């Protein structure tokens, strides 16, 4: 169950990074509330997952999910470049996250 909490927490990390793009110095109340809710849920789920998963592994996977998701959101929604090199690096990131999960006790 800890891995489920960790994955969902990583997805909320994608939520807070996406909201952060629109908070406008925390003057945009709706996006600011979305950011605060997402960051709270994300960190809370990381904390719960880290009770059972080694902290270094949990943190690396959590940030990896957040980074991967944020890069994909950037490419799909915000027109950021999707070059071959970036896509290969994303594949490498996914492989590293999977490797950490496979080697965690």
PDB file of N, CA and C in Angstrom:
ATOM      1  N   UNK A   1       0.818  -1.207   0.000  1.00  0.00           N
ATOM      2  CA  UNK A   1       0.000   0.000   0.000  1.00  0.00           C
ATOM      3  C   UNK A   1       0.860   1.269   0.000  1.00  0.00           C
ATOM      4  N   UNK A   2       2.063   1.159   0.592  1.00  0.00           N
ATOM      5  CA  UNK A   2       2.948   2.325   0.652  1.00  0.00           C
ATOM      6  C   UNK A   2       3.306   2.819  -0.743  1.00  0.00           C
ATOM      7  N   UNK A   3       3.466   1.884  -1.687  1.00  0.00           N
ATOM      8  CA  UNK A   3       3.807   2.287  -3.053  1.00  0.00           C
ATOM      9  C   UNK A   3       2.655   3.033  -3.711  1.00  0.00           C
ATOM     10  N   UNK A   4       1.430   2.668  -3.382  1.00  0.00           N
ATOM     11  CA  UNK A   4       0.268   3.390  -3.917  1.00  0.00           C
ATOM     12  C   UNK A   4       0.278   4.824  -3.401  1.00  0.00           C
ATOM     13  N   UNK A   5       0.503   4.981  -2.076  1.00  0.00           N
ATOM     14  CA  UNK A   5       0.572   6.330  -1.491  1.00  0.00           C
ATOM     15  C   UNK A   5       1.672   7.145  -2.162  1.00  0.00           C
ATOM     16  N   UNK A   6       2.807   6.499  -2.406  1.00  0.00           N
ATOM     17  CA  UNK A   6       3.937   7.202  -3.003  1.00  0.00           C
ATOM     18  C   UNK A   6       3.626   7.646  -4.432  1.00  0.00           C
ATOM     19  N   UNK A   7       3.031   6.784  -5.215  1.00  0.00           N
ATOM     20  CA  UNK A   7       2.693   7.125  -6.602  1.00  0.00           C
ATOM     21  C   UNK A   7       1.659   8.241  -6.652  1.00  0.00           C
ATOM     22  N   UNK A   8       0.617   8.130  -5.836  1.00  0.00           N
ATOM     23  CA  UNK A   8      -0.410   9.179  -5.818  1.00  0.00           C
ATOM     24  C   UNK A   8       0.191  10.496  -5.321  1.00  0.00           C
ATOM     25  N   UNK A   9       1.062  10.408  -4.312  1.00  0.00           N
ATOM     26  CA  UNK A   9       1.750  11.613  -3.841  1.00  0.00           C
ATOM     27  C   UNK A   9       2.586  12.251  -4.936  1.00  0.00           C
ATOM     28  N   UNK A  10       3.248  11.421  -5.743  1.00  0.00           N
ATOM     29  CA  UNK A  10       4.010  11.942  -6.873  1.00  0.00           C
ATOM     30  C   UNK A  10       3.129  12.629  -7.896  1.00  0.00           C
ATOM     31  N   UNK A  11       1.933  12.086  -8.090  1.00  0.00           N
ATOM     32  CA  UNK A  11       0.995  12.724  -9.029  1.00  0.00           C
ATOM     33  C   UNK A  11       0.507  14.069  -8.494  1.00  0.00           C
ATOM     34  N   UNK A  12       0.314  14.149  -7.174  1.00  0.00           N
ATOM     35  CA  UNK A  12      -0.046  15.451  -6.589  1.00  0.00           C
ATOM     36  C   UNK A  12       1.118  16.439  -6.707  1.00  0.00           C
ATOM     37  N   UNK A  13       2.347  15.923  -6.748  1.00  0.00           N
ATOM     38  CA  UNK A  13       3.487  16.812  -6.987  1.00  0.00           C
ATOM     39  C   UNK A  13       3.370  17.442  -8.373  1.00  0.00           C
ATOM     40  N   UNK A  14       2.952  16.667  -9.342  1.00  0.00           N
ATOM     41  CA  UNK A  14       2.712  17.211 -10.679  1.00  0.00           C
ATOM     42  C   UNK A  14       1.630  18.295 -10.593  1.00  0.00           C
ATOM     43  N   UNK A  15       0.620  18.053  -9.773  1.00  0.00           N
ATOM     44  CA  UNK A  15      -0.441  19.047  -9.587  1.00  0.00           C
ATOM     45  C   UNK A  15       0.085  20.349  -9.011  1.00  0.00           C
ATOM     46  N   UNK A  16       0.947  20.254  -7.990  1.00  0.00           N
ATOM     47  CA  UNK A  16       1.408  21.515  -7.398  1.00  0.00           C
ATOM     48  C   UNK A  16       2.402  22.245  -8.286  1.00  0.00           C
ATOM     49  N   UNK A  17       3.185  21.522  -9.070  1.00  0.00           N
ATOM     50  CA  UNK A  17       4.081  22.236  -9.983  1.00  0.00           C
ATOM     51  C   UNK A  17       3.301  22.894 -11.116  1.00  0.00           C
ATOM     52  N   UNK A  18       2.241  22.244 -11.555  1.00  0.00           N
ATOM     53  CA  UNK A  18       1.409  22.834 -12.600  1.00  0.00           C
ATOM     54  C   UNK A  18       0.673  24.057 -12.072  1.00  0.00           C
ATOM     55  N   UNK A  19       0.115  23.955 -10.869  1.00  0.00           N
ATOM     56  CA  UNK A  19      -0.555  25.111 -10.256  1.00  0.00           C
ATOM     57  C   UNK A  19       0.406  26.269 -10.058  1.00  0.00           C
ATOM     58  N   UNK A  20       1.644  25.938  -9.710  1.00  0.00           N
ATOM     59  CA  UNK A  20       2.638  26.976  -9.436  1.00  0.00           C
ATOM     60  C   UNK A  20       2.841  27.894 -10.637  1.00  0.00           C
ATOM     61  N   UNK A  21       2.639  27.355 -11.824  1.00  0.00           N
ATOM     62  CA  UNK A  21       2.793  28.159 -13.041  1.00  0.00           C
ATOM     63  C   UNK A  21       1.766  29.300 -13.098  1.00  0.00           C
ATOM     64  N   UNK A  22       0.644  29.125 -12.431  1.00  0.00           N
ATOM     65  CA  UNK A  22      -0.466  30.070 -12.564  1.00  0.00           C
ATOM     66  C   UNK A  22      -0.767  30.887 -11.299  1.00  0.00           C
ATOM     67  N   UNK A  23      -0.014  30.706 -10.216  1.00  0.00           N
ATOM     68  CA  UNK A  23      -0.365  31.391  -8.965  1.00  0.00           C
ATOM     69  C   UNK A  23      -0.121  32.895  -9.026  1.00  0.00           C
ATOM     70  N   UNK A  24       0.728  33.358  -9.954  1.00  0.00           N
ATOM     71  CA  UNK A  24       0.964  34.788 -10.166  1.00  0.00           C
ATOM     72  C   UNK A  24       1.346  35.482  -8.855  1.00  0.00           C
ATOM     73  N   UNK A  25       2.439  35.018  -8.267  1.00  0.00           N
ATOM     74  CA  UNK A  25       2.886  35.626  -7.009  1.00  0.00           C
ATOM     75  C   UNK A  25       1.912  35.383  -5.870  1.00  0.00           C
ATOM     76  N   UNK A  26       1.167  34.302  -5.959  1.00  0.00           N
ATOM     77  CA  UNK A  26       0.142  33.913  -4.984  1.00  0.00           C
ATOM     78  C   UNK A  26      -1.007  34.922  -4.929  1.00  0.00           C
ATOM     79  N   UNK A  27      -1.199  35.672  -6.013  1.00  0.00           N
ATOM     80  CA  UNK A  27      -2.334  36.597  -6.103  1.00  0.00           C
ATOM     81  C   UNK A  27      -3.553  35.948  -6.737  1.00  0.00           C
ATOM     82  N   UNK A  28      -3.363  34.870  -7.488  1.00  0.00           N
ATOM     83  CA  UNK A  28      -4.476  34.158  -8.102  1.00  0.00           C
ATOM     84  C   UNK A  28      -4.972  33.127  -7.082  1.00  0.00           C
ATOM     85  N   UNK A  29      -6.070  33.444  -6.418  1.00  0.00           N
ATOM     86  CA  UNK A  29      -6.520  32.667  -5.264  1.00  0.00           C
ATOM     87  C   UNK A  29      -6.854  31.223  -5.625  1.00  0.00           C
ATOM     88  N   UNK A  30      -7.546  31.003  -6.713  1.00  0.00           N
ATOM     89  CA  UNK A  30      -7.929  29.644  -7.085  1.00  0.00           C
ATOM     90  C   UNK A  30      -6.729  28.746  -7.305  1.00  0.00           C
ATOM     91  N   UNK A  31      -5.762  29.221  -8.088  1.00  0.00           N
ATOM     92  CA  UNK A  31      -4.566  28.424  -8.347  1.00  0.00           C
ATOM     93  C   UNK A  31      -3.709  28.297  -7.091  1.00  0.00           C
ATOM     94  N   UNK A  32      -3.705  29.334  -6.261  1.00  0.00           N
ATOM     95  CA  UNK A  32      -2.951  29.254  -5.006  1.00  0.00           C
ATOM     96  C   UNK A  32      -3.552  28.199  -4.090  1.00  0.00           C
ATOM     97  N   UNK A  33      -4.858  28.136  -4.008  1.00  0.00           N
ATOM     98  CA  UNK A  33      -5.504  27.100  -3.186  1.00  0.00           C
ATOM     99  C   UNK A  33      -5.237  25.713  -3.748  1.00  0.00           C
ATOM    100  N   UNK A  34      -5.263  25.589  -5.074  1.00  0.00           N
ATOM    101  CA  UNK A  34      -4.919  24.317  -5.704  1.00  0.00           C
ATOM    102  C   UNK A  34      -3.490  23.912  -5.405  1.00  0.00           C
ATOM    103  N   UNK A  35      -2.580  24.884  -5.456  1.00  0.00           N
ATOM    104  CA  UNK A  35      -1.179  24.631  -5.134  1.00  0.00           C
ATOM    105  C   UNK A  35      -1.045  24.155  -3.688  1.00  0.00           C
ATOM    106  N   UNK A  36      -1.664  24.892  -2.757  1.00  0.00           N
ATOM    107  CA  UNK A  36      -1.538  24.543  -1.337  1.00  0.00           C
ATOM    108  C   UNK A  36      -2.138  23.172  -1.032  1.00  0.00           C
ATOM    109  N   UNK A  37      -3.277  22.870  -1.624  1.00  0.00           N
ATOM    110  CA  UNK A  37      -3.895  21.558  -1.408  1.00  0.00           C
ATOM    111  C   UNK A  37      -3.020  20.449  -1.992  1.00  0.00           C
ATOM    112  N   UNK A  38      -2.518  20.660  -3.197  1.00  0.00           N
ATOM    113  CA  UNK A  38      -1.694  19.644  -3.847  1.00  0.00           C
ATOM    114  C   UNK A  38      -0.385  19.406  -3.101  1.00  0.00           C
ATOM    115  N   UNK A  39       0.262  20.468  -2.667  1.00  0.00           N
ATOM    116  CA  UNK A  39       1.537  20.301  -1.969  1.00  0.00           C
ATOM    117  C   UNK A  39       1.319  19.624  -0.613  1.00  0.00           C
ATOM    118  N   UNK A  40       0.230  19.948   0.058  1.00  0.00           N
ATOM    119  CA  UNK A  40      -0.073  19.313   1.339  1.00  0.00           C
ATOM    120  C   UNK A  40      -0.335  17.823   1.165  1.00  0.00           C
ATOM    121  N   UNK A  41      -1.163  17.473   0.197  1.00  0.00           N
ATOM    122  CA  UNK A  41      -1.457  16.062  -0.054  1.00  0.00           C
ATOM    123  C   UNK A  41      -0.218  15.305  -0.510  1.00  0.00           C
ATOM    124  N   UNK A  42       0.557  15.933  -1.388  1.00  0.00           N
ATOM    125  CA  UNK A  42       1.756  15.283  -1.914  1.00  0.00           C
ATOM    126  C   UNK A  42       2.759  14.978  -0.807  1.00  0.00           C
ATOM    127  N   UNK A  43       3.055  15.969   0.010  1.00  0.00           N
ATOM    128  CA  UNK A  43       4.013  15.773   1.105  1.00  0.00           C
ATOM    129  C   UNK A  43       3.475  14.797   2.142  1.00  0.00           C
ATOM    130  N   UNK A  44       2.181  14.884   2.420  1.00  0.00           N
ATOM    131  CA  UNK A  44       1.572  13.956   3.379  1.00  0.00           C
ATOM    132  C   UNK A  44       1.667  12.511   2.912  1.00  0.00           C
ATOM    133  N   UNK A  45       1.413  12.295   1.646  1.00  0.00           N
ATOM    134  CA  UNK A  45       1.490  10.930   1.112  1.00  0.00           C
ATOM    135  C   UNK A  45       2.931  10.429   1.073  1.00  0.00           C
ATOM    136  N   UNK A  46       3.879  11.324   0.794  1.00  0.00           N
ATOM    137  CA  UNK A  46       5.287  10.940   0.862  1.00  0.00           C
ATOM    138  C   UNK A  46       5.647  10.516   2.281  1.00  0.00           C
ATOM    139  N   UNK A  47       5.180  11.260   3.259  1.00  0.00           N
ATOM    140  CA  UNK A  47       5.482  10.927   4.654  1.00  0.00           C
ATOM    141  C   UNK A  47       4.922   9.562   5.025  1.00  0.00           C
ATOM    142  N   UNK A  48       3.692   9.283   4.625  1.00  0.00           N
ATOM    143  CA  UNK A  48       3.077   7.985   4.924  1.00  0.00           C
ATOM    144  C   UNK A  48       3.847   6.860   4.232  1.00  0.00           C
ATOM    145  N   UNK A  49       4.204   7.054   2.977  1.00  0.00           N
ATOM    146  CA  UNK A  49       4.933   6.025   2.232  1.00  0.00           C
ATOM    147  C   UNK A  49       6.310   5.771   2.833  1.00  0.00           C
ATOM    148  N   UNK A  50       6.962   6.833   3.311  1.00  0.00           N
ATOM    149  CA  UNK A  50       8.319   6.706   3.843  1.00  0.00           C
ATOM    150  C   UNK A  50       8.356   5.957   5.175  1.00  0.00           C
ATOM    151  N   UNK A  51       7.221   5.676   5.742  1.00  0.00           N
ATOM    152  CA  UNK A  51       7.187   4.844   6.954  1.00  0.00           C
ATOM    153  C   UNK A  51       7.553   3.402   6.625  1.00  0.00           C
ATOM    154  N   UNK A  52       7.270   2.967   5.393  1.00  0.00           N
ATOM    155  CA  UNK A  52       7.508   1.575   4.991  1.00  0.00           C
ATOM    156  C   UNK A  52       8.592   1.419   3.931  1.00  0.00           C
ATOM    157  N   UNK A  53       8.792   2.444   3.138  1.00  0.00           N
ATOM    158  CA  UNK A  53       9.776   2.407   2.056  1.00  0.00           C
ATOM    159  C   UNK A  53      10.996   3.186   2.547  1.00  0.00           C
ATOM    160  N   UNK A  54      12.210   2.704   2.264  1.00  0.00           N
ATOM    161  CA  UNK A  54      13.393   3.479   2.671  1.00  0.00           C
ATOM    162  C   UNK A  54      13.279   4.930   2.195  1.00  0.00           C
ATOM    163  N   UNK A  55      13.626   5.857   3.070  1.00  0.00           N
ATOM    164  CA  UNK A  55      13.414   7.278   2.793  1.00  0.00           C
ATOM    165  C   UNK A  55      14.080   7.730   1.492  1.00  0.00           C
ATOM    166  N   UNK A  56      15.315   7.331   1.261  1.00  0.00           N
ATOM    167  CA  UNK A  56      16.003   7.738   0.033  1.00  0.00           C
ATOM    168  C   UNK A  56      15.302   7.234  -1.212  1.00  0.00           C
ATOM    169  N   UNK A  57      14.841   5.995  -1.157  1.00  0.00           N
ATOM    170  CA  UNK A  57      14.108   5.424  -2.286  1.00  0.00           C
ATOM    171  C   UNK A  57      12.785   6.144  -2.482  1.00  0.00           C
ATOM    172  N   UNK A  58      12.060   6.354  -1.383  1.00  0.00           N
ATOM    173  CA  UNK A  58      10.763   7.029  -1.471  1.00  0.00           C
ATOM    174  C   UNK A  58      10.916   8.426  -2.063  1.00  0.00           C
ATOM    175  N   UNK A  59      11.900   9.160  -1.572  1.00  0.00           N
ATOM    176  CA  UNK A  59      12.090  10.527  -2.059  1.00  0.00           C
ATOM    177  C   UNK A  59      12.495  10.544  -3.531  1.00  0.00           C
ATOM    178  N   UNK A  60      13.405   9.657  -3.908  1.00  0.00           N
ATOM    179  CA  UNK A  60      13.849   9.615  -5.305  1.00  0.00           C
ATOM    180  C   UNK A  60      12.699   9.260  -6.242  1.00  0.00           C
ATOM    181  N   UNK A  61      11.880   8.293  -5.855  1.00  0.00           N
ATOM    182  CA  UNK A  61      10.742   7.905  -6.697  1.00  0.00           C
ATOM    183  C   UNK A  61       9.721   9.034  -6.749  1.00  0.00           C
ATOM    184  N   UNK A  62       9.427   9.647  -5.615  1.00  0.00           N
ATOM    185  CA  UNK A  62       8.464  10.749  -5.533  1.00  0.00           C
ATOM    186  C   UNK A  62       8.888  11.907  -6.431  1.00  0.00           C
ATOM    187  N   UNK A  63      10.155  12.313  -6.320  1.00  0.00           N
ATOM    188  CA  UNK A  63      10.622  13.415  -7.166  1.00  0.00           C
ATOM    189  C   UNK A  63      10.701  13.002  -8.632  1.00  0.00           C
ATOM    190  N   UNK A  64      11.030  11.738  -8.883  1.00  0.00           N
ATOM    191  CA  UNK A  64      11.071  11.251 -10.263  1.00  0.00           C
ATOM    192  C   UNK A  64       9.707  11.292 -10.920  1.00  0.00           C
ATOM    193  N   UNK A  65       8.686  10.848 -10.182  1.00  0.00           N
ATOM    194  CA  UNK A  65       7.317  10.907 -10.706  1.00  0.00           C
ATOM    195  C   UNK A  65       6.932  12.356 -10.968  1.00  0.00           C
ATOM    196  N   UNK A  66       7.251  13.225 -10.021  1.00  0.00           N
ATOM    197  CA  UNK A  66       6.932  14.645 -10.190  1.00  0.00           C
ATOM    198  C   UNK A  66       7.652  15.259 -11.371  1.00  0.00           C
ATOM    199  N   UNK A  67       8.933  14.942 -11.511  1.00  0.00           N
ATOM    200  CA  UNK A  67       9.709  15.497 -12.629  1.00  0.00           C
ATOM    201  C   UNK A  67       9.191  14.970 -13.958  1.00  0.00           C
ATOM    202  N   UNK A  68       8.967  13.675 -14.022  1.00  0.00           N
ATOM    203  CA  UNK A  68       8.457  13.070 -15.255  1.00  0.00           C
ATOM    204  C   UNK A  68       7.112  13.672 -15.635  1.00  0.00           C
ATOM    205  N   UNK A  69       6.202  13.715 -14.687  1.00  0.00           N
ATOM    206  CA  UNK A  69       4.875  14.252 -14.960  1.00  0.00           C
ATOM    207  C   UNK A  69       4.909  15.716 -15.358  1.00  0.00           C
ATOM    208  N   UNK A  70       5.764  16.490 -14.689  1.00  0.00           N
ATOM    209  CA  UNK A  70       5.860  17.915 -14.991  1.00  0.00           C
ATOM    210  C   UNK A  70       6.433  18.144 -16.381  1.00  0.00           C
ATOM    211  N   UNK A  71       7.419  17.338 -16.771  1.00  0.00           N
ATOM    212  CA  UNK A  71       7.981  17.448 -18.127  1.00  0.00           C
ATOM    213  C   UNK A  71       6.920  17.105 -19.171  1.00  0.00           C
ATOM    214  N   UNK A  72       6.164  16.047 -18.926  1.00  0.00           N
ATOM    215  CA  UNK A  72       5.116  15.650 -19.878  1.00  0.00           C
ATOM    216  C   UNK A  72       4.047  16.738 -19.971  1.00  0.00           C
ATOM    217  N   UNK A  73       3.602  17.271 -18.827  1.00  0.00           N
ATOM    218  CA  UNK A  73       2.614  18.364 -18.837  1.00  0.00           C
ATOM    219  C   UNK A  73       3.166  19.556 -19.620  1.00  0.00           C
ATOM    220  N   UNK A  74       4.431  19.873 -19.402  1.00  0.00           N
ATOM    221  CA  UNK A  74       5.047  20.987 -20.126  1.00  0.00           C
ATOM    222  C   UNK A  74       5.034  20.777 -21.626  1.00  0.00           C
ATOM    223  N   UNK A  75       5.334  19.555 -22.049  1.00  0.00           N
ATOM    224  CA  UNK A  75       5.356  19.278 -23.487  1.00  0.00           C
ATOM    225  C   UNK A  75       3.954  19.252 -24.080  1.00  0.00           C
ATOM    226  N   UNK A  76       3.000  18.637 -23.373  1.00  0.00           N
ATOM    227  CA  UNK A  76       1.652  18.467 -23.916  1.00  0.00           C
ATOM    228  C   UNK A  76       0.849  19.762 -23.839  1.00  0.00           C
ATOM    229  N   UNK A  77       0.860  20.442 -22.699  1.00  0.00           N
ATOM    230  CA  UNK A  77      -0.007  21.606 -22.502  1.00  0.00           C
ATOM    231  C   UNK A  77       0.643  22.944 -22.790  1.00  0.00           C
ATOM    232  N   UNK A  78       1.959  23.021 -22.584  1.00  0.00           N
ATOM    233  CA  UNK A  78       2.611  24.324 -22.682  1.00  0.00           C
ATOM    234  C   UNK A  78       3.570  24.438 -23.856  1.00  0.00           C
ATOM    235  N   UNK A  79       3.565  23.448 -24.744  1.00  0.00           N
ATOM    236  CA  UNK A  79       4.348  23.534 -25.963  1.00  0.00           C
ATOM    237  C   UNK A  79       5.853  23.496 -25.773  1.00  0.00           C
ATOM    238  N   UNK A  80       6.320  22.925 -24.668  1.00  0.00           N
ATOM    239  CA  UNK A  80       7.762  22.799 -24.477  1.00  0.00           C
ATOM    240  C   UNK A  80       8.304  21.776 -25.471  1.00  0.00           C
ATOM    241  N   UNK A  81       9.567  21.898 -25.843  1.00  0.00           N
ATOM    242  CA  UNK A  81      10.111  21.014 -26.880  1.00  0.00           C
ATOM    243  C   UNK A  81      10.113  19.544 -26.461  1.00  0.00           C
ATOM    244  N   UNK A  82       9.841  18.678 -27.423  1.00  0.00           N
ATOM    245  CA  UNK A  82       9.888  17.227 -27.182  1.00  0.00           C
ATOM    246  C   UNK A  82      10.910  16.615 -28.133  1.00  0.00           C
ATOM    247  N   UNK A  83      12.148  16.982 -27.928  1.00  0.00           N
ATOM    248  CA  UNK A  83      13.226  16.500 -28.794  1.00  0.00           C
ATOM    249  C   UNK A  83      13.553  15.046 -28.468  1.00  0.00           C
ATOM    250  N   UNK A  84      14.263  14.426 -29.364  1.00  0.00           N
ATOM    251  CA  UNK A  84      14.672  13.035 -29.174  1.00  0.00           C
ATOM    252  C   UNK A  84      15.494  12.881 -27.898  1.00  0.00           C
ATOM    253  N   UNK A  85      16.385  13.805 -27.650  1.00  0.00           N
ATOM    254  CA  UNK A  85      17.222  13.732 -26.445  1.00  0.00           C
ATOM    255  C   UNK A  85      16.355  13.806 -25.190  1.00  0.00           C
ATOM    256  N   UNK A  86      15.417  14.719 -25.149  1.00  0.00           N
ATOM    257  CA  UNK A  86      14.528  14.838 -23.974  1.00  0.00           C
ATOM    258  C   UNK A  86      13.731  13.553 -23.777  1.00  0.00           C
ATOM    259  N   UNK A  87      13.216  12.996 -24.854  1.00  0.00           N
ATOM    260  CA  UNK A  87      12.437  11.771 -24.740  1.00  0.00           C
ATOM    261  C   UNK A  87      13.300  10.605 -24.260  1.00  0.00           C
ATOM    262  N   UNK A  88      14.529  10.515 -24.731  1.00  0.00           N
ATOM    263  CA  UNK A  88      15.438   9.468 -24.255  1.00  0.00           C
ATOM    264  C   UNK A  88      15.772   9.655 -22.779  1.00  0.00           C
ATOM    265  N   UNK A  89      15.951  10.885 -22.354  1.00  0.00           N
ATOM    266  CA  UNK A  89      16.212  11.150 -20.939  1.00  0.00           C
ATOM    267  C   UNK A  89      15.005  10.793 -20.074  1.00  0.00           C
ATOM    268  N   UNK A  90      13.807  11.021 -20.585  1.00  0.00           N
ATOM    269  CA  UNK A  90      12.589  10.626 -19.863  1.00  0.00           C
ATOM    270  C   UNK A  90      12.544   9.108 -19.715  1.00  0.00           C
ATOM    271  N   UNK A  91      12.874   8.383 -20.771  1.00  0.00           N
ATOM    272  CA  UNK A  91      12.919   6.918 -20.699  1.00  0.00           C
ATOM    273  C   UNK A  91      13.938   6.479 -19.646  1.00  0.00           C
ATOM    274  N   UNK A  92      15.087   7.147 -19.611  1.00  0.00           N
ATOM    275  CA  UNK A  92      16.092   6.840 -18.598  1.00  0.00           C
ATOM    276  C   UNK A  92      15.587   7.098 -17.192  1.00  0.00           C
ATOM    277  N   UNK A  93      14.850   8.186 -17.013  1.00  0.00           N
ATOM    278  CA  UNK A  93      14.275   8.506 -15.709  1.00  0.00           C
ATOM    279  C   UNK A  93      13.285   7.432 -15.276  1.00  0.00           C
ATOM    280  N   UNK A  94      12.428   7.016 -16.179  1.00  0.00           N
ATOM    281  CA  UNK A  94      11.464   5.953 -15.874  1.00  0.00           C
ATOM    282  C   UNK A  94      12.195   4.668 -15.505  1.00  0.00           C
ATOM    283  N   UNK A  95      13.255   4.348 -16.227  1.00  0.00           N
ATOM    284  CA  UNK A  95      14.033   3.141 -15.929  1.00  0.00           C
ATOM    285  C   UNK A  95      14.658   3.232 -14.537  1.00  0.00           C
ATOM    286  N   UNK A  96      15.146   4.392 -14.170  1.00  0.00           N
ATOM    287  CA  UNK A  96      15.734   4.564 -12.838  1.00  0.00           C
ATOM    288  C   UNK A  96      14.673   4.425 -11.741  1.00  0.00           C
ATOM    289  N   UNK A  97      13.504   4.999 -11.951  1.00  0.00           N
ATOM    290  CA  UNK A  97      12.419   4.866 -10.970  1.00  0.00           C
ATOM    291  C   UNK A  97      12.016   3.406 -10.814  1.00  0.00           C
ATOM    292  N   UNK A  98      11.869   2.707 -11.925  1.00  0.00           N
ATOM    293  CA  UNK A  98      11.512   1.284 -11.878  1.00  0.00           C
ATOM    294  C   UNK A  98      12.605   0.492 -11.176  1.00  0.00           C
ATOM    295  N   UNK A  99      13.865   0.813 -11.456  1.00  0.00           N
ATOM    296  CA  UNK A  99      14.967   0.126 -10.808  1.00  0.00           C
ATOM    297  C   UNK A  99      14.973   0.328  -9.300  1.00  0.00           C
ATOM    298  N   UNK A 100      14.670   1.530  -8.850  1.00  0.00           N
ATOM    299  CA  UNK A 100      14.597   1.788  -7.410  1.00  0.00           C
ATOM    300  C   UNK A 100      13.482   0.977  -6.763  1.00  0.00           C
ATOM    301  N   UNK A 101      12.340   0.877  -7.457  1.00  0.00           N
ATOM    302  CA  UNK A 101      11.247   0.089  -6.902  1.00  0.00           C
ATOM    303  C   UNK A 101      11.639  -1.383  -6.832  1.00  0.00           C
ATOM    304  N   UNK A 102      12.274  -1.872  -7.863  1.00  0.00           N
ATOM    305  CA  UNK A 102      12.639  -3.288  -7.908  1.00  0.00           C
ATOM    306  C   UNK A 102      13.697  -3.665  -6.880  1.00  0.00           C
ATOM    307  N   UNK A 103      14.525  -2.714  -6.483  1.00  0.00           N
ATOM    308  CA  UNK A 103      15.600  -3.030  -5.540  1.00  0.00           C
ATOM    309  C   UNK A 103      15.264  -2.662  -4.100  1.00  0.00           C
ATOM    310  N   UNK A 104      14.115  -2.014  -3.857  1.00  0.00           N
ATOM    311  CA  UNK A 104      13.722  -1.685  -2.482  1.00  0.00           C
ATOM    312  C   UNK A 104      13.258  -2.949  -1.767  1.00  0.00           C
ATOM    313  N   UNK A 105      13.586  -3.025  -0.478  1.00  0.00           N
ATOM    314  CA  UNK A 105      13.193  -4.202   0.309  1.00  0.00           C
ATOM    315  C   UNK A 105      11.832  -4.001   0.904  1.00  0.00           C
TER     316      UNK A 105
END
